[in-house]
């Protein structure tokens, strides 16, 4: 139990752990933005390609 408490204390006091969590949250936010943009723009882009294909 002493080793576990020591490991938790070390994890909390190190500065790398919060930085990694922040990067993880940032990556998750970027993924959500990309998914929303792809969903929102998907129909418009599909229509653009269809119109281009029909004009050729």
Protein backbone atom coordinates (compact mmCIF):
# COMPACT_ATOMS: atom_id res chain seq x y z
CA UNK A 1 0.00 0.00 0.00
CA UNK A 2 2.93 2.29 0.70
CA UNK A 3 4.21 1.86 -2.86
CA UNK A 4 0.80 2.75 -4.28
CA UNK A 5 0.53 5.89 -2.14
CA UNK A 6 4.05 6.87 -3.16
CA UNK A 7 3.25 6.35 -6.86
CA UNK A 8 0.05 8.42 -6.59
CA UNK A 9 1.89 11.21 -4.81
CA UNK A 10 4.61 11.20 -7.47
CA UNK A 11 2.00 11.24 -10.27
CA UNK A 12 0.20 14.22 -8.73
CA UNK A 13 3.34 16.26 -8.08
CA UNK A 14 4.90 15.74 -11.51
CA UNK A 15 4.15 18.35 -14.12
CA UNK A 16 4.11 15.89 -17.01
CA UNK A 17 0.86 14.23 -15.98
CA UNK A 18 -1.38 17.32 -16.21
CA UNK A 19 0.28 18.29 -19.47
CA UNK A 20 -0.51 14.90 -20.97
CA UNK A 21 -4.11 15.21 -19.81
CA UNK A 22 -4.35 18.66 -21.40
CA UNK A 23 -2.97 17.31 -24.68
CA UNK A 24 -5.44 14.44 -24.53
CA UNK A 25 -8.34 16.85 -24.06
CA UNK A 26 -7.05 19.01 -26.90
CA UNK A 27 -6.84 16.02 -29.25
CA UNK A 28 -10.37 14.97 -28.26
CA UNK A 29 -11.68 18.48 -28.92
CA UNK A 30 -10.00 18.58 -32.33
CA UNK A 31 -11.53 15.19 -33.18
CA UNK A 32 -14.99 16.46 -32.26
CA UNK A 33 -14.54 19.59 -34.38
CA UNK A 34 -13.38 17.53 -37.38
CA UNK A 35 -16.33 15.14 -37.00
CA UNK A 36 -18.83 17.99 -36.79
CA UNK A 37 -17.28 19.77 -39.76
CA UNK A 38 -17.32 16.59 -41.85
CA UNK A 39 -20.95 15.95 -40.97
CA UNK A 40 -21.99 19.53 -41.65
CA UNK A 41 -20.07 19.96 -44.88
CA UNK A 42 -20.56 16.40 -46.13
CA UNK A 43 -23.83 17.07 -47.95
CA UNK A 44 -22.57 20.26 -49.57
CA UNK A 45 -19.39 18.67 -50.81
CA UNK A 46 -21.33 15.68 -52.12
CA UNK A 47 -23.63 18.02 -54.04
CA UNK A 48 -20.64 19.88 -55.45
CA UNK A 49 -19.06 16.67 -56.74
CA UNK A 50 -22.39 15.53 -58.19
CA UNK A 51 -22.86 18.83 -60.02
CA UNK A 52 -19.31 18.69 -61.35
CA UNK A 53 -19.79 15.11 -62.49
CA UNK A 54 -23.04 15.95 -64.25
CA UNK A 55 -21.51 18.90 -66.04
CA UNK A 56 -18.70 16.75 -67.42
